[in-house]
Amino acid sequence: KLCNETVIKEMFFSGKSFTSPAIRLVWKEDNNEVPIKSIIVVPKKKIRLATKRNIIRRRMKEAYRLNRIELENTLKANKLQLNIAIIYQREQILSYKVVDDEIKLMLERLTKEI
């Protein structure tokens, strides 16, 4: 889990990113003890109700948890460490299937980029 506020600001300021219609992924290489540190963001500006934000966040966390294994293996093989932010971009709640497909696509693109 990515918690340090200065690291998060630096990642958004000087990190690289991919964007899809529903999700934006921002990442930056770092010197951590773990291969990946991540944060999942659902902006209050897009989704007003906290319960709806929590539903989306849970779906994104589960999709990320199930699909991150290939990326972790690539990072361990190359001895790299990343900080990742996954940001929700839509104004309505998407089904788990759509969120899962989007996150899978973004993580595959990131694996190819590294």
PDB file of N, CA and C in Angstrom:
ATOM      1  N   LYS A   1       0.848  -1.182   0.000  1.00  0.00           N
ATOM      2  CA  LYS A   1       0.000   0.000   0.000  1.00  0.00           C
ATOM      3  C   LYS A   1       0.886   1.235   0.000  1.00  0.00           C
ATOM      4  N   LEU A   2       0.517   2.189  -0.808  1.00  0.00           N
ATOM      5  CA  LEU A   2       1.283   3.420  -0.940  1.00  0.00           C
ATOM      6  C   LEU A   2       0.665   4.485  -0.035  1.00  0.00           C
ATOM      7  N   CYS A   3       1.429   4.954   0.962  1.00  0.00           N
ATOM      8  CA  CYS A   3       0.872   5.866   1.962  1.00  0.00           C
ATOM      9  C   CYS A   3       1.587   7.220   2.034  1.00  0.00           C
ATOM     10  N   ASN A   4       2.846   7.270   1.668  1.00  0.00           N
ATOM     11  CA  ASN A   4       3.644   8.473   1.840  1.00  0.00           C
ATOM     12  C   ASN A   4       3.169   9.586   0.906  1.00  0.00           C
ATOM     13  N   GLU A   5       2.745  10.697   1.473  1.00  0.00           N
ATOM     14  CA  GLU A   5       2.163  11.792   0.700  1.00  0.00           C
ATOM     15  C   GLU A   5       3.157  12.416  -0.279  1.00  0.00           C
ATOM     16  N   THR A   6       4.416  12.571   0.125  1.00  0.00           N
ATOM     17  CA  THR A   6       5.409  13.170  -0.768  1.00  0.00           C
ATOM     18  C   THR A   6       5.713  12.247  -1.950  1.00  0.00           C
ATOM     19  N   VAL A   7       5.738  10.941  -1.711  1.00  0.00           N
ATOM     20  CA  VAL A   7       5.974   9.983  -2.801  1.00  0.00           C
ATOM     21  C   VAL A   7       4.808  10.022  -3.785  1.00  0.00           C
ATOM     22  N   ILE A   8       3.584  10.132  -3.274  1.00  0.00           N
ATOM     23  CA  ILE A   8       2.400  10.193  -4.126  1.00  0.00           C
ATOM     24  C   ILE A   8       2.424  11.463  -4.983  1.00  0.00           C
ATOM     25  N   LYS A   9       2.739  12.610  -4.367  1.00  0.00           N
ATOM     26  CA  LYS A   9       2.815  13.862  -5.116  1.00  0.00           C
ATOM     27  C   LYS A   9       3.882  13.797  -6.201  1.00  0.00           C
ATOM     28  N   GLU A  10       5.034  13.238  -5.863  1.00  0.00           N
ATOM     29  CA  GLU A  10       6.121  13.111  -6.834  1.00  0.00           C
ATOM     30  C   GLU A  10       5.721  12.195  -7.988  1.00  0.00           C
ATOM     31  N   MET A  11       4.997  11.112  -7.665  1.00  0.00           N
ATOM     32  CA  MET A  11       4.552  10.184  -8.702  1.00  0.00           C
ATOM     33  C   MET A  11       3.604  10.886  -9.673  1.00  0.00           C
ATOM     34  N   PHE A  12       2.651  11.664  -9.165  1.00  0.00           N
ATOM     35  CA  PHE A  12       1.714  12.363 -10.042  1.00  0.00           C
ATOM     36  C   PHE A  12       2.403  13.481 -10.822  1.00  0.00           C
ATOM     37  N   PHE A  13       3.416  14.098 -10.229  1.00  0.00           N
ATOM     38  CA  PHE A  13       4.106  15.203 -10.886  1.00  0.00           C
ATOM     39  C   PHE A  13       5.037  14.720 -11.991  1.00  0.00           C
ATOM     40  N   SER A  14       5.815  13.665 -11.727  1.00  0.00           N
ATOM     41  CA  SER A  14       6.823  13.260 -12.704  1.00  0.00           C
ATOM     42  C   SER A  14       6.699  11.815 -13.179  1.00  0.00           C
ATOM     43  N   GLY A  15       5.588  11.174 -12.889  1.00  0.00           N
ATOM     44  CA  GLY A  15       5.395   9.794 -13.324  1.00  0.00           C
ATOM     45  C   GLY A  15       4.842   9.698 -14.733  1.00  0.00           C
ATOM     46  N   LYS A  16       4.805   8.469 -15.245  1.00  0.00           N
ATOM     47  CA  LYS A  16       4.238   8.197 -16.567  1.00  0.00           C
ATOM     48  C   LYS A  16       2.816   7.673 -16.376  1.00  0.00           C
ATOM     49  N   SER A  17       2.012   7.724 -17.455  1.00  0.00           N
ATOM     50  CA  SER A  17       0.630   7.272 -17.293  1.00  0.00           C
ATOM     51  C   SER A  17       0.056   6.691 -18.584  1.00  0.00           C
ATOM     52  N   PHE A  18      -0.982   5.854 -18.398  1.00  0.00           N
ATOM     53  CA  PHE A  18      -1.838   5.345 -19.458  1.00  0.00           C
ATOM     54  C   PHE A  18      -3.247   5.778 -19.125  1.00  0.00           C
ATOM     55  N   THR A  19      -4.061   5.992 -20.133  1.00  0.00           N
ATOM     56  CA  THR A  19      -5.457   6.334 -19.900  1.00  0.00           C
ATOM     57  C   THR A  19      -6.350   5.474 -20.778  1.00  0.00           C
ATOM     58  N   SER A  20      -7.404   4.963 -20.181  1.00  0.00           N
ATOM     59  CA  SER A  20      -8.459   4.282 -20.933  1.00  0.00           C
ATOM     60  C   SER A  20      -9.743   5.046 -20.627  1.00  0.00           C
ATOM     61  N   PRO A  21     -10.853   4.702 -21.261  1.00  0.00           N
ATOM     62  CA  PRO A  21     -12.078   5.455 -20.992  1.00  0.00           C
ATOM     63  C   PRO A  21     -12.514   5.439 -19.523  1.00  0.00           C
ATOM     64  N   ALA A  22     -12.243   4.355 -18.810  1.00  0.00           N
ATOM     65  CA  ALA A  22     -12.736   4.249 -17.432  1.00  0.00           C
ATOM     66  C   ALA A  22     -11.656   4.426 -16.374  1.00  0.00           C
ATOM     67  N   ILE A  23     -10.396   4.134 -16.720  1.00  0.00           N
ATOM     68  CA  ILE A  23      -9.339   4.098 -15.710  1.00  0.00           C
ATOM     69  C   ILE A  23      -8.076   4.760 -16.230  1.00  0.00           C
ATOM     70  N   ARG A  24      -7.395   5.453 -15.323  1.00  0.00           N
ATOM     71  CA  ARG A  24      -6.087   6.031 -15.624  1.00  0.00           C
ATOM     72  C   ARG A  24      -5.073   5.382 -14.686  1.00  0.00           C
ATOM     73  N   LEU A  25      -3.931   4.977 -15.223  1.00  0.00           N
ATOM     74  CA  LEU A  25      -2.894   4.346 -14.425  1.00  0.00           C
ATOM     75  C   LEU A  25      -1.652   5.226 -14.471  1.00  0.00           C
ATOM     76  N   VAL A  26      -1.151   5.622 -13.307  1.00  0.00           N
ATOM     77  CA  VAL A  26       0.052   6.444 -13.201  1.00  0.00           C
ATOM     78  C   VAL A  26       1.093   5.617 -12.461  1.00  0.00           C
ATOM     79  N   TRP A  27       2.339   5.620 -12.957  1.00  0.00           N
ATOM     80  CA  TRP A  27       3.373   4.864 -12.263  1.00  0.00           C
ATOM     81  C   TRP A  27       4.710   5.576 -12.322  1.00  0.00           C
ATOM     82  N   LYS A  28       5.571   5.208 -11.396  1.00  0.00           N
ATOM     83  CA  LYS A  28       6.920   5.751 -11.331  1.00  0.00           C
ATOM     84  C   LYS A  28       7.818   4.702 -10.700  1.00  0.00           C
ATOM     85  N   GLU A  29       9.012   4.535 -11.236  1.00  0.00           N
ATOM     86  CA  GLU A  29       9.969   3.598 -10.641  1.00  0.00           C
ATOM     87  C   GLU A  29      10.473   4.169  -9.323  1.00  0.00           C
ATOM     88  N   ASP A  30      10.764   3.273  -8.377  1.00  0.00           N
ATOM     89  CA  ASP A  30      11.175   3.699  -7.042  1.00  0.00           C
ATOM     90  C   ASP A  30      12.083   2.630  -6.445  1.00  0.00           C
ATOM     91  N   ASN A  31      12.708   2.938  -5.325  1.00  0.00           N
ATOM     92  CA  ASN A  31      13.548   1.975  -4.610  1.00  0.00           C
ATOM     93  C   ASN A  31      12.834   1.537  -3.340  1.00  0.00           C
ATOM     94  N   ASN A  32      11.919   0.589  -3.489  1.00  0.00           N
ATOM     95  CA  ASN A  32      11.181   0.029  -2.354  1.00  0.00           C
ATOM     96  C   ASN A  32      11.765  -1.329  -2.008  1.00  0.00           C
ATOM     97  N   GLU A  33      11.320  -1.871  -0.892  1.00  0.00           N
ATOM     98  CA  GLU A  33      11.698  -3.236  -0.555  1.00  0.00           C
ATOM     99  C   GLU A  33      10.741  -4.242  -1.185  1.00  0.00           C
ATOM    100  N   VAL A  34       9.584  -3.773  -1.651  1.00  0.00           N
ATOM    101  CA  VAL A  34       8.596  -4.640  -2.301  1.00  0.00           C
ATOM    102  C   VAL A  34       8.496  -4.257  -3.781  1.00  0.00           C
ATOM    103  N   PRO A  35       8.104  -5.218  -4.652  1.00  0.00           N
ATOM    104  CA  PRO A  35       8.047  -4.910  -6.087  1.00  0.00           C
ATOM    105  C   PRO A  35       7.035  -3.823  -6.464  1.00  0.00           C
ATOM    106  N   ILE A  36       5.842  -3.839  -5.824  1.00  0.00           N
ATOM    107  CA  ILE A  36       4.793  -2.879  -6.185  1.00  0.00           C
ATOM    108  C   ILE A  36       4.179  -2.273  -4.933  1.00  0.00           C
ATOM    109  N   LYS A  37       4.046  -0.955  -4.946  1.00  0.00           N
ATOM    110  CA  LYS A  37       3.217  -0.259  -3.961  1.00  0.00           C
ATOM    111  C   LYS A  37       2.127   0.433  -4.751  1.00  0.00           C
ATOM    112  N   SER A  38       0.885   0.295  -4.314  1.00  0.00           N
ATOM    113  CA  SER A  38      -0.215   0.828  -5.123  1.00  0.00           C
ATOM    114  C   SER A  38      -1.195   1.628  -4.270  1.00  0.00           C
ATOM    115  N   ILE A  39      -1.943   2.458  -4.977  1.00  0.00           N
ATOM    116  CA  ILE A  39      -3.029   3.227  -4.372  1.00  0.00           C
ATOM    117  C   ILE A  39      -4.180   3.239  -5.381  1.00  0.00           C
ATOM    118  N   ILE A  40      -5.396   3.120  -4.878  1.00  0.00           N
ATOM    119  CA  ILE A  40      -6.576   3.136  -5.734  1.00  0.00           C
ATOM    120  C   ILE A  40      -7.392   4.374  -5.379  1.00  0.00           C
ATOM    121  N   VAL A  41      -7.728   5.173  -6.396  1.00  0.00           N
ATOM    122  CA  VAL A  41      -8.378   6.463  -6.179  1.00  0.00           C
ATOM    123  C   VAL A  41      -9.711   6.507  -6.920  1.00  0.00           C
ATOM    124  N   VAL A  42     -10.759   6.886  -6.208  1.00  0.00           N
ATOM    125  CA  VAL A  42     -12.063   7.155  -6.814  1.00  0.00           C
ATOM    126  C   VAL A  42     -12.419   8.586  -6.404  1.00  0.00           C
ATOM    127  N   PRO A  43     -12.300   9.550  -7.322  1.00  0.00           N
ATOM    128  CA  PRO A  43     -12.467  10.961  -6.968  1.00  0.00           C
ATOM    129  C   PRO A  43     -13.892  11.313  -6.521  1.00  0.00           C
ATOM    130  N   LYS A  44     -13.961  12.113  -5.466  1.00  0.00           N
ATOM    131  CA  LYS A  44     -15.244  12.601  -4.966  1.00  0.00           C
ATOM    132  C   LYS A  44     -15.906  13.518  -5.993  1.00  0.00           C
ATOM    133  N   LYS A  45     -15.098  14.165  -6.815  1.00  0.00           N
ATOM    134  CA  LYS A  45     -15.631  15.052  -7.849  1.00  0.00           C
ATOM    135  C   LYS A  45     -16.473  14.278  -8.868  1.00  0.00           C
ATOM    136  N   LYS A  46     -16.097  13.029  -9.140  1.00  0.00           N
ATOM    137  CA  LYS A  46     -16.822  12.212 -10.118  1.00  0.00           C
ATOM    138  C   LYS A  46     -17.975  11.435  -9.480  1.00  0.00           C
ATOM    139  N   ILE A  47     -17.732  10.836  -8.312  1.00  0.00           N
ATOM    140  CA  ILE A  47     -18.739  10.020  -7.609  1.00  0.00           C
ATOM    141  C   ILE A  47     -18.999  10.663  -6.252  1.00  0.00           C
ATOM    142  N   ARG A  48     -20.156  11.240  -6.070  1.00  0.00           N
ATOM    143  CA  ARG A  48     -20.453  11.999  -4.863  1.00  0.00           C
ATOM    144  C   ARG A  48     -20.654  11.141  -3.612  1.00  0.00           C
ATOM    145  N   LEU A  49     -21.445  10.085  -3.726  1.00  0.00           N
ATOM    146  CA  LEU A  49     -21.797   9.306  -2.541  1.00  0.00           C
ATOM    147  C   LEU A  49     -20.675   8.355  -2.143  1.00  0.00           C
ATOM    148  N   ALA A  50     -20.333   8.360  -0.860  1.00  0.00           N
ATOM    149  CA  ALA A  50     -19.246   7.526  -0.351  1.00  0.00           C
ATOM    150  C   ALA A  50     -19.531   6.035  -0.547  1.00  0.00           C
ATOM    151  N   THR A  51     -20.782   5.636  -0.422  1.00  0.00           N
ATOM    152  CA  THR A  51     -21.107   4.213  -0.581  1.00  0.00           C
ATOM    153  C   THR A  51     -20.816   3.748  -2.012  1.00  0.00           C
ATOM    154  N   LYS A  52     -21.115   4.606  -2.977  1.00  0.00           N
ATOM    155  CA  LYS A  52     -20.832   4.266  -4.374  1.00  0.00           C
ATOM    156  C   LYS A  52     -19.330   4.250  -4.635  1.00  0.00           C
ATOM    157  N   ARG A  53     -18.590   5.200  -4.039  1.00  0.00           N
ATOM    158  CA  ARG A  53     -17.127   5.206  -4.166  1.00  0.00           C
ATOM    159  C   ARG A  53     -16.531   3.933  -3.578  1.00  0.00           C
ATOM    160  N   ASN A  54     -17.077   3.488  -2.450  1.00  0.00           N
ATOM    161  CA  ASN A  54     -16.578   2.264  -1.815  1.00  0.00           C
ATOM    162  C   ASN A  54     -16.835   1.038  -2.677  1.00  0.00           C
ATOM    163  N   ILE A  55     -17.998   0.974  -3.316  1.00  0.00           N
ATOM    164  CA  ILE A  55     -18.310  -0.145  -4.212  1.00  0.00           C
ATOM    165  C   ILE A  55     -17.294  -0.201  -5.352  1.00  0.00           C
ATOM    166  N   ILE A  56     -17.045   0.942  -5.964  1.00  0.00           N
ATOM    167  CA  ILE A  56     -16.102   1.011  -7.075  1.00  0.00           C
ATOM    168  C   ILE A  56     -14.695   0.638  -6.599  1.00  0.00           C
ATOM    169  N   ARG A  57     -14.288   1.178  -5.457  1.00  0.00           N
ATOM    170  CA  ARG A  57     -12.958   0.896  -4.916  1.00  0.00           C
ATOM    171  C   ARG A  57     -12.784  -0.599  -4.643  1.00  0.00           C
ATOM    172  N   ARG A  58     -13.801  -1.240  -4.081  1.00  0.00           N
ATOM    173  CA  ARG A  58     -13.731  -2.681  -3.811  1.00  0.00           C
ATOM    174  C   ARG A  58     -13.592  -3.482  -5.103  1.00  0.00           C
ATOM    175  N   ARG A  59     -14.341  -3.094  -6.124  1.00  0.00           N
ATOM    176  CA  ARG A  59     -14.248  -3.789  -7.413  1.00  0.00           C
ATOM    177  C   ARG A  59     -12.869  -3.618  -8.034  1.00  0.00           C
ATOM    178  N   MET A  60     -12.326  -2.407  -7.942  1.00  0.00           N
ATOM    179  CA  MET A  60     -11.005  -2.148  -8.504  1.00  0.00           C
ATOM    180  C   MET A  60      -9.922  -2.905  -7.732  1.00  0.00           C
ATOM    181  N   LYS A  61     -10.013  -2.931  -6.414  1.00  0.00           N
ATOM    182  CA  LYS A  61      -9.041  -3.657  -5.598  1.00  0.00           C
ATOM    183  C   LYS A  61      -9.036  -5.139  -5.927  1.00  0.00           C
ATOM    184  N   GLU A  62     -10.204  -5.722  -6.068  1.00  0.00           N
ATOM    185  CA  GLU A  62     -10.308  -7.143  -6.362  1.00  0.00           C
ATOM    186  C   GLU A  62      -9.751  -7.447  -7.751  1.00  0.00           C
ATOM    187  N   ALA A  63     -10.073  -6.632  -8.739  1.00  0.00           N
ATOM    188  CA  ALA A  63      -9.556  -6.838 -10.089  1.00  0.00           C
ATOM    189  C   ALA A  63      -8.034  -6.692 -10.105  1.00  0.00           C
ATOM    190  N   TYR A  64      -7.513  -5.721  -9.385  1.00  0.00           N
ATOM    191  CA  TYR A  64      -6.065  -5.515  -9.303  1.00  0.00           C
ATOM    192  C   TYR A  64      -5.398  -6.706  -8.604  1.00  0.00           C
ATOM    193  N   ARG A  65      -5.987  -7.164  -7.521  1.00  0.00           N
ATOM    194  CA  ARG A  65      -5.427  -8.291  -6.753  1.00  0.00           C
ATOM    195  C   ARG A  65      -5.315  -9.541  -7.620  1.00  0.00           C
ATOM    196  N   LEU A  66      -6.324  -9.799  -8.443  1.00  0.00           N
ATOM    197  CA  LEU A  66      -6.332 -10.996  -9.266  1.00  0.00           C
ATOM    198  C   LEU A  66      -5.406 -10.903 -10.488  1.00  0.00           C
ATOM    199  N   ASN A  67      -5.126  -9.708 -10.957  1.00  0.00           N
ATOM    200  CA  ASN A  67      -4.384  -9.548 -12.205  1.00  0.00           C
ATOM    201  C   ASN A  67      -2.948  -9.041 -12.053  1.00  0.00           C
ATOM    202  N   ARG A  68      -2.496  -8.788 -10.847  1.00  0.00           N
ATOM    203  CA  ARG A  68      -1.166  -8.197 -10.659  1.00  0.00           C
ATOM    204  C   ARG A  68      -0.022  -9.205 -10.683  1.00  0.00           C
ATOM    205  N   ILE A  69      -0.311 -10.498 -10.669  1.00  0.00           N
ATOM    206  CA  ILE A  69       0.715 -11.528 -10.513  1.00  0.00           C
ATOM    207  C   ILE A  69       1.751 -11.491 -11.636  1.00  0.00           C
ATOM    208  N   GLU A  70       1.288 -11.364 -12.886  1.00  0.00           N
ATOM    209  CA  GLU A  70       2.211 -11.325 -14.018  1.00  0.00           C
ATOM    210  C   GLU A  70       3.145 -10.120 -13.932  1.00  0.00           C
ATOM    211  N   LEU A  71       2.597  -8.967 -13.553  1.00  0.00           N
ATOM    212  CA  LEU A  71       3.407  -7.760 -13.398  1.00  0.00           C
ATOM    213  C   LEU A  71       4.442  -7.943 -12.292  1.00  0.00           C
ATOM    214  N   GLU A  72       4.045  -8.519 -11.156  1.00  0.00           N
ATOM    215  CA  GLU A  72       4.979  -8.751 -10.053  1.00  0.00           C
ATOM    216  C   GLU A  72       6.118  -9.664 -10.483  1.00  0.00           C
ATOM    217  N   ASN A  73       5.799 -10.723 -11.234  1.00  0.00           N
ATOM    218  CA  ASN A  73       6.839 -11.639 -11.701  1.00  0.00           C
ATOM    219  C   ASN A  73       7.826 -10.946 -12.631  1.00  0.00           C
ATOM    220  N   THR A  74       7.322 -10.085 -13.510  1.00  0.00           N
ATOM    221  CA  THR A  74       8.190  -9.329 -14.419  1.00  0.00           C
ATOM    222  C   THR A  74       9.099  -8.388 -13.636  1.00  0.00           C
ATOM    223  N   LEU A  75       8.543  -7.713 -12.643  1.00  0.00           N
ATOM    224  CA  LEU A  75       9.335  -6.788 -11.834  1.00  0.00           C
ATOM    225  C   LEU A  75      10.409  -7.524 -11.034  1.00  0.00           C
ATOM    226  N   LYS A  76      10.058  -8.687 -10.468  1.00  0.00           N
ATOM    227  CA  LYS A  76      11.044  -9.466  -9.706  1.00  0.00           C
ATOM    228  C   LYS A  76      12.163  -9.955 -10.617  1.00  0.00           C
ATOM    229  N   ALA A  77      11.817 -10.374 -11.829  1.00  0.00           N
ATOM    230  CA  ALA A  77      12.822 -10.858 -12.778  1.00  0.00           C
ATOM    231  C   ALA A  77      13.780  -9.738 -13.192  1.00  0.00           C
ATOM    232  N   ASN A  78      13.255  -8.532 -13.347  1.00  0.00           N
ATOM    233  CA  ASN A  78      14.072  -7.383 -13.759  1.00  0.00           C
ATOM    234  C   ASN A  78      14.620  -6.588 -12.580  1.00  0.00           C
ATOM    235  N   LYS A  79      14.295  -7.013 -11.366  1.00  0.00           N
ATOM    236  CA  LYS A  79      14.727  -6.332 -10.129  1.00  0.00           C
ATOM    237  C   LYS A  79      14.339  -4.851 -10.137  1.00  0.00           C
ATOM    238  N   LEU A  80      13.071  -4.593 -10.445  1.00  0.00           N
ATOM    239  CA  LEU A  80      12.528  -3.234 -10.450  1.00  0.00           C
ATOM    240  C   LEU A  80      11.473  -3.092  -9.361  1.00  0.00           C
ATOM    241  N   GLN A  81      11.249  -1.854  -8.924  1.00  0.00           N
ATOM    242  CA  GLN A  81      10.177  -1.543  -7.987  1.00  0.00           C
ATOM    243  C   GLN A  81       9.365  -0.382  -8.560  1.00  0.00           C
ATOM    244  N   LEU A  82       8.034  -0.484  -8.410  1.00  0.00           N
ATOM    245  CA  LEU A  82       7.141   0.548  -8.951  1.00  0.00           C
ATOM    246  C   LEU A  82       6.195   1.061  -7.889  1.00  0.00           C
ATOM    247  N   ASN A  83       5.823   2.327  -8.033  1.00  0.00           N
ATOM    248  CA  ASN A  83       4.678   2.900  -7.342  1.00  0.00           C
ATOM    249  C   ASN A  83       3.588   3.080  -8.393  1.00  0.00           C
ATOM    250  N   ILE A  84       2.371   2.624  -8.078  1.00  0.00           N
ATOM    251  CA  ILE A  84       1.275   2.654  -9.048  1.00  0.00           C
ATOM    252  C   ILE A  84       0.057   3.335  -8.433  1.00  0.00           C
ATOM    253  N   ALA A  85      -0.603   4.197  -9.208  1.00  0.00           N
ATOM    254  CA  ALA A  85      -1.902   4.763  -8.829  1.00  0.00           C
ATOM    255  C   ALA A  85      -2.911   4.374  -9.908  1.00  0.00           C
ATOM    256  N   ILE A  86      -4.045   3.811  -9.470  1.00  0.00           N
ATOM    257  CA  ILE A  86      -5.123   3.453 -10.385  1.00  0.00           C
ATOM    258  C   ILE A  86      -6.286   4.391 -10.076  1.00  0.00           C
ATOM    259  N   ILE A  87      -6.675   5.206 -11.058  1.00  0.00           N
ATOM    260  CA  ILE A  87      -7.660   6.265 -10.840  1.00  0.00           C
ATOM    261  C   ILE A  87      -8.905   6.004 -11.682  1.00  0.00           C
ATOM    262  N   TYR A  88     -10.047   6.048 -11.042  1.00  0.00           N
ATOM    263  CA  TYR A  88     -11.331   5.845 -11.720  1.00  0.00           C
ATOM    264  C   TYR A  88     -11.723   7.133 -12.426  1.00  0.00           C
ATOM    265  N   GLN A  89     -12.190   7.039 -13.687  1.00  0.00           N
ATOM    266  CA  GLN A  89     -12.447   8.229 -14.500  1.00  0.00           C
ATOM    267  C   GLN A  89     -13.923   8.477 -14.823  1.00  0.00           C
ATOM    268  N   ARG A  90     -14.783   7.510 -14.603  1.00  0.00           N
ATOM    269  CA  ARG A  90     -16.181   7.634 -15.017  1.00  0.00           C
ATOM    270  C   ARG A  90     -17.034   8.297 -13.948  1.00  0.00           C
ATOM    271  N   GLU A  91     -18.228   8.735 -14.350  1.00  0.00           N
ATOM    272  CA  GLU A  91     -19.167   9.347 -13.415  1.00  0.00           C
ATOM    273  C   GLU A  91     -20.285   8.404 -13.000  1.00  0.00           C
ATOM    274  N   GLN A  92     -20.298   7.200 -13.565  1.00  0.00           N
ATOM    275  CA  GLN A  92     -21.295   6.211 -13.144  1.00  0.00           C
ATOM    276  C   GLN A  92     -20.568   4.923 -12.761  1.00  0.00           C
ATOM    277  N   ILE A  93     -21.265   4.065 -12.026  1.00  0.00           N
ATOM    278  CA  ILE A  93     -20.683   2.806 -11.574  1.00  0.00           C
ATOM    279  C   ILE A  93     -20.683   1.805 -12.723  1.00  0.00           C
ATOM    280  N   LEU A  94     -19.524   1.214 -12.984  1.00  0.00           N
ATOM    281  CA  LEU A  94     -19.410   0.185 -14.008  1.00  0.00           C
ATOM    282  C   LEU A  94     -19.465  -1.190 -13.353  1.00  0.00           C
ATOM    283  N   SER A  95     -19.869  -2.184 -14.114  1.00  0.00           N
ATOM    284  CA  SER A  95     -19.934  -3.548 -13.577  1.00  0.00           C
ATOM    285  C   SER A  95     -18.530  -4.061 -13.294  1.00  0.00           C
ATOM    286  N   TYR A  96     -18.448  -5.098 -12.461  1.00  0.00           N
ATOM    287  CA  TYR A  96     -17.152  -5.675 -12.120  1.00  0.00           C
ATOM    288  C   TYR A  96     -16.439  -6.191 -13.366  1.00  0.00           C
ATOM    289  N   LYS A  97     -17.173  -6.783 -14.274  1.00  0.00           N
ATOM    290  CA  LYS A  97     -16.580  -7.345 -15.494  1.00  0.00           C
ATOM    291  C   LYS A  97     -15.857  -6.264 -16.300  1.00  0.00           C
ATOM    292  N   VAL A  98     -16.472  -5.113 -16.454  1.00  0.00           N
ATOM    293  CA  VAL A  98     -15.867  -4.008 -17.218  1.00  0.00           C
ATOM    294  C   VAL A  98     -14.620  -3.492 -16.497  1.00  0.00           C
ATOM    295  N   VAL A  99     -14.730  -3.305 -15.188  1.00  0.00           N
ATOM    296  CA  VAL A  99     -13.592  -2.825 -14.394  1.00  0.00           C
ATOM    297  C   VAL A  99     -12.439  -3.829 -14.481  1.00  0.00           C
ATOM    298  N   ASP A 100     -12.751  -5.112 -14.367  1.00  0.00           N
ATOM    299  CA  ASP A 100     -11.730  -6.162 -14.439  1.00  0.00           C
ATOM    300  C   ASP A 100     -11.029  -6.141 -15.798  1.00  0.00           C
ATOM    301  N   ASP A 101     -11.786  -6.027 -16.869  1.00  0.00           N
ATOM    302  CA  ASP A 101     -11.201  -5.980 -18.209  1.00  0.00           C
ATOM    303  C   ASP A 101     -10.291  -4.766 -18.387  1.00  0.00           C
ATOM    304  N   GLU A 102     -10.734  -3.612 -17.892  1.00  0.00           N
ATOM    305  CA  GLU A 102      -9.938  -2.380 -18.008  1.00  0.00           C
ATOM    306  C   GLU A 102      -8.620  -2.502 -17.232  1.00  0.00           C
ATOM    307  N   ILE A 103      -8.685  -2.986 -16.008  1.00  0.00           N
ATOM    308  CA  ILE A 103      -7.478  -3.110 -15.185  1.00  0.00           C
ATOM    309  C   ILE A 103      -6.532  -4.151 -15.780  1.00  0.00           C
ATOM    310  N   LYS A 104      -7.087  -5.247 -16.283  1.00  0.00           N
ATOM    311  CA  LYS A 104      -6.266  -6.280 -16.922  1.00  0.00           C
ATOM    312  C   LYS A 104      -5.525  -5.684 -18.119  1.00  0.00           C
ATOM    313  N   LEU A 105      -6.222  -4.898 -18.935  1.00  0.00           N
ATOM    314  CA  LEU A 105      -5.621  -4.253 -20.095  1.00  0.00           C
ATOM    315  C   LEU A 105      -4.505  -3.291 -19.683  1.00  0.00           C
ATOM    316  N   MET A 106      -4.764  -2.485 -18.661  1.00  0.00           N
ATOM    317  CA  MET A 106      -3.770  -1.508 -18.200  1.00  0.00           C
ATOM    318  C   MET A 106      -2.526  -2.198 -17.644  1.00  0.00           C
ATOM    319  N   LEU A 107      -2.707  -3.260 -16.869  1.00  0.00           N
ATOM    320  CA  LEU A 107      -1.563  -3.969 -16.305  1.00  0.00           C
ATOM    321  C   LEU A 107      -0.762  -4.690 -17.388  1.00  0.00           C
ATOM    322  N   GLU A 108      -1.433  -5.198 -18.411  1.00  0.00           N
ATOM    323  CA  GLU A 108      -0.721  -5.809 -19.539  1.00  0.00           C
ATOM    324  C   GLU A 108       0.109  -4.765 -20.289  1.00  0.00           C
ATOM    325  N   ARG A 109      -0.452  -3.595 -20.513  1.00  0.00           N
ATOM    326  CA  ARG A 109       0.293  -2.508 -21.173  1.00  0.00           C
ATOM    327  C   ARG A 109       1.508  -2.104 -20.350  1.00  0.00           C
ATOM    328  N   LEU A 110       1.317  -2.037 -19.032  1.00  0.00           N
ATOM    329  CA  LEU A 110       2.426  -1.657 -18.151  1.00  0.00           C
ATOM    330  C   LEU A 110       3.525  -2.719 -18.166  1.00  0.00           C
ATOM    331  N   THR A 111       3.129  -3.988 -18.178  1.00  0.00           N
ATOM    332  CA  THR A 111       4.110  -5.081 -18.238  1.00  0.00           C
ATOM    333  C   THR A 111       4.915  -5.007 -19.529  1.00  0.00           C
ATOM    334  N   LYS A 112       4.269  -4.711 -20.651  1.00  0.00           N
ATOM    335  CA  LYS A 112       4.966  -4.588 -21.930  1.00  0.00           C
ATOM    336  C   LYS A 112       5.896  -3.373 -21.940  1.00  0.00           C
ATOM    337  N   GLU A 113       5.463  -2.291 -21.314  1.00  0.00           N
ATOM    338  CA  GLU A 113       6.265  -1.058 -21.274  1.00  0.00           C
ATOM    339  C   GLU A 113       7.551  -1.246 -20.471  1.00  0.00           C
ATOM    340  N   ILE A 114       7.477  -2.055 -19.440  1.00  0.00           N
ATOM    341  CA  ILE A 114       8.655  -2.303 -18.599  1.00  0.00           C
ATOM    342  C   ILE A 114       9.497  -3.333 -19.292  1.00  0.00           C
TER     343      ILE A 114
END
